Amino acid sequence: MMIGERLYPQVAELQPELAGKITGMLLEMDNAELLMLLESSEALVSKVDEAIAVLKQHNVIPEAIAA
């Protein structure tokens, strides 16, 4: 839960409208991987992009939101 509280604001900077959903997806990862995301903005951006691709693929979000 603490990791989620630290992760959410960083995700919100990248994708404010999807921050909750993306953070929830990321929290399914191992804690070691999550800590790496907190330390590396490049890794976080990559994972957020992956999460957006998955959401688009499953038609959870319209294309316009994640543009």
PDB file of N, CA and C in Angstrom:
ATOM      1  N   MET A   1       0.831  -1.191   0.000  1.00  0.00           N
ATOM      2  CA  MET A   1       0.000   0.000   0.000  1.00  0.00           C
ATOM      3  C   MET A   1       0.874   1.254   0.000  1.00  0.00           C
ATOM      4  N   MET A   2       1.966   1.226   0.746  1.00  0.00           N
ATOM      5  CA  MET A   2       2.869   2.375   0.750  1.00  0.00           C
ATOM      6  C   MET A   2       3.455   2.625  -0.628  1.00  0.00           C
ATOM      7  N   ILE A   3       3.773   1.551  -1.332  1.00  0.00           N
ATOM      8  CA  ILE A   3       4.330   1.706  -2.676  1.00  0.00           C
ATOM      9  C   ILE A   3       3.295   2.370  -3.574  1.00  0.00           C
ATOM     10  N   GLY A   4       2.056   1.953  -3.459  1.00  0.00           N
ATOM     11  CA  GLY A   4       0.993   2.548  -4.254  1.00  0.00           C
ATOM     12  C   GLY A   4       0.831   4.027  -3.987  1.00  0.00           C
ATOM     13  N   GLU A   5       0.973   4.409  -2.738  1.00  0.00           N
ATOM     14  CA  GLU A   5       0.853   5.827  -2.380  1.00  0.00           C
ATOM     15  C   GLU A   5       1.999   6.648  -2.956  1.00  0.00           C
ATOM     16  N   ARG A   6       3.151   6.046  -3.127  1.00  0.00           N
ATOM     17  CA  ARG A   6       4.291   6.741  -3.734  1.00  0.00           C
ATOM     18  C   ARG A   6       4.213   6.702  -5.256  1.00  0.00           C
ATOM     19  N   LEU A   7       3.652   5.619  -5.778  1.00  0.00           N
ATOM     20  CA  LEU A   7       3.593   5.428  -7.219  1.00  0.00           C
ATOM     21  C   LEU A   7       2.512   6.287  -7.874  1.00  0.00           C
ATOM     22  N   TYR A   8       1.369   6.385  -7.230  1.00  0.00           N
ATOM     23  CA  TYR A   8       0.225   7.093  -7.828  1.00  0.00           C
ATOM     24  C   TYR A   8       0.557   8.519  -8.288  1.00  0.00           C
ATOM     25  N   PRO A   9       1.184   9.351  -7.467  1.00  0.00           N
ATOM     26  CA  PRO A   9       1.471  10.721  -7.938  1.00  0.00           C
ATOM     27  C   PRO A   9       2.375  10.762  -9.169  1.00  0.00           C
ATOM     28  N   GLN A  10       3.293   9.822  -9.250  1.00  0.00           N
ATOM     29  CA  GLN A  10       4.183   9.786 -10.410  1.00  0.00           C
ATOM     30  C   GLN A  10       3.421   9.362 -11.670  1.00  0.00           C
ATOM     31  N   VAL A  11       2.522   8.402 -11.517  1.00  0.00           N
ATOM     32  CA  VAL A  11       1.697   7.975 -12.648  1.00  0.00           C
ATOM     33  C   VAL A  11       0.750   9.103 -13.039  1.00  0.00           C
ATOM     34  N   ALA A  12       0.222   9.813 -12.042  1.00  0.00           N
ATOM     35  CA  ALA A  12      -0.719  10.904 -12.306  1.00  0.00           C
ATOM     36  C   ALA A  12      -0.072  12.028 -13.116  1.00  0.00           C
ATOM     37  N   GLU A  13       1.212  12.225 -12.955  1.00  0.00           N
ATOM     38  CA  GLU A  13       1.914  13.232 -13.753  1.00  0.00           C
ATOM     39  C   GLU A  13       1.935  12.838 -15.230  1.00  0.00           C
ATOM     40  N   LEU A  14       2.014  11.542 -15.491  1.00  0.00           N
ATOM     41  CA  LEU A  14       2.086  11.044 -16.858  1.00  0.00           C
ATOM     42  C   LEU A  14       0.704  10.889 -17.488  1.00  0.00           C
ATOM     43  N   GLN A  15      -0.245  10.393 -16.711  1.00  0.00           N
ATOM     44  CA  GLN A  15      -1.593  10.111 -17.213  1.00  0.00           C
ATOM     45  C   GLN A  15      -2.621  10.440 -16.131  1.00  0.00           C
ATOM     46  N   PRO A  16      -2.953  11.707 -15.956  1.00  0.00           N
ATOM     47  CA  PRO A  16      -3.858  12.094 -14.861  1.00  0.00           C
ATOM     48  C   PRO A  16      -5.215  11.400 -14.895  1.00  0.00           C
ATOM     49  N   GLU A  17      -5.786  11.225 -16.078  1.00  0.00           N
ATOM     50  CA  GLU A  17      -7.128  10.644 -16.172  1.00  0.00           C
ATOM     51  C   GLU A  17      -7.147   9.140 -15.908  1.00  0.00           C
ATOM     52  N   LEU A  18      -6.011   8.493 -16.070  1.00  0.00           N
ATOM     53  CA  LEU A  18      -5.943   7.041 -15.931  1.00  0.00           C
ATOM     54  C   LEU A  18      -5.078   6.599 -14.764  1.00  0.00           C
ATOM     55  N   ALA A  19      -4.659   7.523 -13.938  1.00  0.00           N
ATOM     56  CA  ALA A  19      -3.690   7.213 -12.878  1.00  0.00           C
ATOM     57  C   ALA A  19      -4.159   6.096 -11.950  1.00  0.00           C
ATOM     58  N   GLY A  20      -5.404   6.126 -11.537  1.00  0.00           N
ATOM     59  CA  GLY A  20      -5.904   5.098 -10.626  1.00  0.00           C
ATOM     60  C   GLY A  20      -5.883   3.717 -11.250  1.00  0.00           C
ATOM     61  N   LYS A  21      -6.366   3.626 -12.464  1.00  0.00           N
ATOM     62  CA  LYS A  21      -6.432   2.341 -13.159  1.00  0.00           C
ATOM     63  C   LYS A  21      -5.022   1.806 -13.440  1.00  0.00           C
ATOM     64  N   ILE A  22      -4.145   2.673 -13.922  1.00  0.00           N
ATOM     65  CA  ILE A  22      -2.779   2.241 -14.241  1.00  0.00           C
ATOM     66  C   ILE A  22      -2.026   1.857 -12.975  1.00  0.00           C
ATOM     67  N   THR A  23      -2.163   2.643 -11.917  1.00  0.00           N
ATOM     68  CA  THR A  23      -1.487   2.306 -10.659  1.00  0.00           C
ATOM     69  C   THR A  23      -1.957   0.949 -10.160  1.00  0.00           C
ATOM     70  N   GLY A  24      -3.262   0.696 -10.253  1.00  0.00           N
ATOM     71  CA  GLY A  24      -3.796  -0.604  -9.851  1.00  0.00           C
ATOM     72  C   GLY A  24      -3.188  -1.739 -10.648  1.00  0.00           C
ATOM     73  N   MET A  25      -3.020  -1.518 -11.937  1.00  0.00           N
ATOM     74  CA  MET A  25      -2.398  -2.541 -12.785  1.00  0.00           C
ATOM     75  C   MET A  25      -0.947  -2.767 -12.371  1.00  0.00           C
ATOM     76  N   LEU A  26      -0.228  -1.684 -12.134  1.00  0.00           N
ATOM     77  CA  LEU A  26       1.184  -1.804 -11.771  1.00  0.00           C
ATOM     78  C   LEU A  26       1.364  -2.502 -10.428  1.00  0.00           C
ATOM     79  N   LEU A  27       0.426  -2.299  -9.506  1.00  0.00           N
ATOM     80  CA  LEU A  27       0.561  -2.890  -8.176  1.00  0.00           C
ATOM     81  C   LEU A  27       0.447  -4.414  -8.194  1.00  0.00           C
ATOM     82  N   GLU A  28       0.090  -4.983  -9.337  1.00  0.00           N
ATOM     83  CA  GLU A  28       0.067  -6.437  -9.456  1.00  0.00           C
ATOM     84  C   GLU A  28       1.464  -7.004  -9.680  1.00  0.00           C
ATOM     85  N   MET A  29       2.421  -6.119  -9.926  1.00  0.00           N
ATOM     86  CA  MET A  29       3.807  -6.545 -10.132  1.00  0.00           C
ATOM     87  C   MET A  29       4.470  -6.859  -8.786  1.00  0.00           C
ATOM     88  N   ASP A  30       5.621  -7.522  -8.857  1.00  0.00           N
ATOM     89  CA  ASP A  30       6.406  -7.806  -7.647  1.00  0.00           C
ATOM     90  C   ASP A  30       6.895  -6.500  -7.028  1.00  0.00           C
ATOM     91  N   ASN A  31       7.045  -6.498  -5.712  1.00  0.00           N
ATOM     92  CA  ASN A  31       7.511  -5.297  -5.012  1.00  0.00           C
ATOM     93  C   ASN A  31       8.877  -4.831  -5.498  1.00  0.00           C
ATOM     94  N   ALA A  32       9.756  -5.756  -5.813  1.00  0.00           N
ATOM     95  CA  ALA A  32      11.092  -5.375  -6.286  1.00  0.00           C
ATOM     96  C   ALA A  32      10.987  -4.598  -7.599  1.00  0.00           C
ATOM     97  N   GLU A  33      10.103  -5.043  -8.483  1.00  0.00           N
ATOM     98  CA  GLU A  33       9.910  -4.334  -9.749  1.00  0.00           C
ATOM     99  C   GLU A  33       9.289  -2.961  -9.519  1.00  0.00           C
ATOM    100  N   LEU A  34       8.362  -2.899  -8.577  1.00  0.00           N
ATOM    101  CA  LEU A  34       7.722  -1.616  -8.267  1.00  0.00           C
ATOM    102  C   LEU A  34       8.732  -0.619  -7.717  1.00  0.00           C
ATOM    103  N   LEU A  35       9.611  -1.080  -6.862  1.00  0.00           N
ATOM    104  CA  LEU A  35      10.636  -0.191  -6.313  1.00  0.00           C
ATOM    105  C   LEU A  35      11.541   0.328  -7.423  1.00  0.00           C
ATOM    106  N   MET A  36      11.813  -0.518  -8.417  1.00  0.00           N
ATOM    107  CA  MET A  36      12.623  -0.084  -9.546  1.00  0.00           C
ATOM    108  C   MET A  36      11.893   1.030 -10.321  1.00  0.00           C
ATOM    109  N   LEU A  37      10.576   0.904 -10.452  1.00  0.00           N
ATOM    110  CA  LEU A  37       9.802   1.940 -11.148  1.00  0.00           C
ATOM    111  C   LEU A  37       9.857   3.263 -10.396  1.00  0.00           C
ATOM    112  N   LEU A  38       9.869   3.191  -9.085  1.00  0.00           N
ATOM    113  CA  LEU A  38       9.939   4.414  -8.280  1.00  0.00           C
ATOM    114  C   LEU A  38      11.287   5.105  -8.429  1.00  0.00           C
ATOM    115  N   GLU A  39      12.328   4.323  -8.693  1.00  0.00           N
ATOM    116  CA  GLU A  39      13.678   4.876  -8.799  1.00  0.00           C
ATOM    117  C   GLU A  39      14.032   5.324 -10.217  1.00  0.00           C
ATOM    118  N   SER A  40      13.352   4.766 -11.217  1.00  0.00           N
ATOM    119  CA  SER A  40      13.700   5.052 -12.610  1.00  0.00           C
ATOM    120  C   SER A  40      12.492   5.600 -13.364  1.00  0.00           C
ATOM    121  N   SER A  41      12.544   6.887 -13.691  1.00  0.00           N
ATOM    122  CA  SER A  41      11.427   7.477 -14.421  1.00  0.00           C
ATOM    123  C   SER A  41      11.296   6.865 -15.809  1.00  0.00           C
ATOM    124  N   GLU A  42      12.412   6.459 -16.408  1.00  0.00           N
ATOM    125  CA  GLU A  42      12.351   5.825 -17.725  1.00  0.00           C
ATOM    126  C   GLU A  42      11.608   4.498 -17.659  1.00  0.00           C
ATOM    127  N   ALA A  43      11.875   3.710 -16.634  1.00  0.00           N
ATOM    128  CA  ALA A  43      11.186   2.430 -16.470  1.00  0.00           C
ATOM    129  C   ALA A  43       9.700   2.655 -16.204  1.00  0.00           C
ATOM    130  N   LEU A  44       9.385   3.687 -15.426  1.00  0.00           N
ATOM    131  CA  LEU A  44       7.985   3.989 -15.129  1.00  0.00           C
ATOM    132  C   LEU A  44       7.244   4.396 -16.402  1.00  0.00           C
ATOM    133  N   VAL A  45       7.834   5.263 -17.195  1.00  0.00           N
ATOM    134  CA  VAL A  45       7.206   5.701 -18.446  1.00  0.00           C
ATOM    135  C   VAL A  45       6.958   4.490 -19.342  1.00  0.00           C
ATOM    136  N   SER A  46       7.913   3.589 -19.407  1.00  0.00           N
ATOM    137  CA  SER A  46       7.775   2.396 -20.233  1.00  0.00           C
ATOM    138  C   SER A  46       6.602   1.535 -19.764  1.00  0.00           C
ATOM    139  N   LYS A  47       6.500   1.314 -18.456  1.00  0.00           N
ATOM    140  CA  LYS A  47       5.416   0.491 -17.913  1.00  0.00           C
ATOM    141  C   LYS A  47       4.063   1.172 -18.076  1.00  0.00           C
ATOM    142  N   VAL A  48       4.016   2.487 -17.922  1.00  0.00           N
ATOM    143  CA  VAL A  48       2.762   3.220 -18.120  1.00  0.00           C
ATOM    144  C   VAL A  48       2.336   3.092 -19.579  1.00  0.00           C
ATOM    145  N   ASP A  49       3.279   3.206 -20.492  1.00  0.00           N
ATOM    146  CA  ASP A  49       2.966   3.035 -21.918  1.00  0.00           C
ATOM    147  C   ASP A  49       2.431   1.631 -22.194  1.00  0.00           C
ATOM    148  N   GLU A  50       3.044   0.630 -21.569  1.00  0.00           N
ATOM    149  CA  GLU A  50       2.571  -0.755 -21.727  1.00  0.00           C
ATOM    150  C   GLU A  50       1.145  -0.893 -21.206  1.00  0.00           C
ATOM    151  N   ALA A  51       0.870  -0.302 -20.051  1.00  0.00           N
ATOM    152  CA  ALA A  51      -0.467  -0.384 -19.461  1.00  0.00           C
ATOM    153  C   ALA A  51      -1.498   0.283 -20.368  1.00  0.00           C
ATOM    154  N   ILE A  52      -1.141   1.414 -20.946  1.00  0.00           N
ATOM    155  CA  ILE A  52      -2.056   2.108 -21.856  1.00  0.00           C
ATOM    156  C   ILE A  52      -2.329   1.241 -23.080  1.00  0.00           C
ATOM    157  N   ALA A  53      -1.304   0.605 -23.612  1.00  0.00           N
ATOM    158  CA  ALA A  53      -1.479  -0.275 -24.777  1.00  0.00           C
ATOM    159  C   ALA A  53      -2.440  -1.413 -24.451  1.00  0.00           C
ATOM    160  N   VAL A  54      -2.306  -1.993 -23.256  1.00  0.00           N
ATOM    161  CA  VAL A  54      -3.195  -3.082 -22.846  1.00  0.00           C
ATOM    162  C   VAL A  54      -4.627  -2.568 -22.719  1.00  0.00           C
ATOM    163  N   LEU A  55      -4.787  -1.405 -22.114  1.00  0.00           N
ATOM    164  CA  LEU A  55      -6.132  -0.843 -21.956  1.00  0.00           C
ATOM    165  C   LEU A  55      -6.771  -0.540 -23.307  1.00  0.00           C
ATOM    166  N   LYS A  56      -5.995  -0.020 -24.229  1.00  0.00           N
ATOM    167  CA  LYS A  56      -6.513   0.249 -25.576  1.00  0.00           C
ATOM    168  C   LYS A  56      -6.894  -1.050 -26.269  1.00  0.00           C
ATOM    169  N   GLN A  57      -6.036  -2.049 -26.128  1.00  0.00           N
ATOM    170  CA  GLN A  57      -6.267  -3.333 -26.782  1.00  0.00           C
ATOM    171  C   GLN A  57      -7.570  -3.973 -26.312  1.00  0.00           C
ATOM    172  N   HIS A  58      -7.890  -3.768 -25.046  1.00  0.00           N
ATOM    173  CA  HIS A  58      -9.110  -4.344 -24.473  1.00  0.00           C
ATOM    174  C   HIS A  58     -10.276  -3.360 -24.500  1.00  0.00           C
ATOM    175  N   ASN A  59     -10.097  -2.283 -25.256  1.00  0.00           N
ATOM    176  CA  ASN A  59     -11.152  -1.265 -25.413  1.00  0.00           C
ATOM    177  C   ASN A  59     -11.673  -0.727 -24.091  1.00  0.00           C
ATOM    178  N   VAL A  60     -10.795  -0.624 -23.105  1.00  0.00           N
ATOM    179  CA  VAL A  60     -11.175  -0.085 -21.800  1.00  0.00           C
ATOM    180  C   VAL A  60     -11.163   1.443 -21.849  1.00  0.00           C
ATOM    181  N   ILE A  61     -10.308   1.986 -22.699  1.00  0.00           N
ATOM    182  CA  ILE A  61     -10.211   3.443 -22.815  1.00  0.00           C
ATOM    183  C   ILE A  61     -10.311   3.844 -24.278  1.00  0.00           C
ATOM    184  N   PRO A  62     -10.907   4.981 -24.537  1.00  0.00           N
ATOM    185  CA  PRO A  62     -10.919   5.483 -25.914  1.00  0.00           C
ATOM    186  C   PRO A  62      -9.525   6.002 -26.296  1.00  0.00           C
ATOM    187  N   GLU A  63      -9.233   5.971 -27.574  1.00  0.00           N
ATOM    188  CA  GLU A  63      -7.934   6.421 -28.081  1.00  0.00           C
ATOM    189  C   GLU A  63      -7.612   7.846 -27.666  1.00  0.00           C
ATOM    190  N   ALA A  64      -8.607   8.706 -27.629  1.00  0.00           N
ATOM    191  CA  ALA A  64      -8.384  10.129 -27.375  1.00  0.00           C
ATOM    192  C   ALA A  64      -7.824  10.392 -25.979  1.00  0.00           C
ATOM    193  N   ILE A  65      -8.200   9.617 -24.984  1.00  0.00           N
ATOM    194  CA  ILE A  65      -7.743   9.870 -23.611  1.00  0.00           C
ATOM    195  C   ILE A  65      -6.255   9.632 -23.478  1.00  0.00           C
ATOM    196  N   ALA A  66      -5.752   8.583 -24.063  1.00  0.00           N
ATOM    197  CA  ALA A  66      -4.354   8.214 -23.868  1.00  0.00           C
ATOM    198  C   ALA A  66      -3.449   8.760 -24.955  1.00  0.00           C
ATOM    199  N   ALA A  67      -3.912   9.715 -25.690  1.00  0.00           N
ATOM    200  CA  ALA A  67      -3.097  10.264 -26.772  1.00  0.00           C
ATOM    201  C   ALA A  67      -1.967  11.107 -26.240  1.00  0.00           C
TER     202      ALA A  67
END
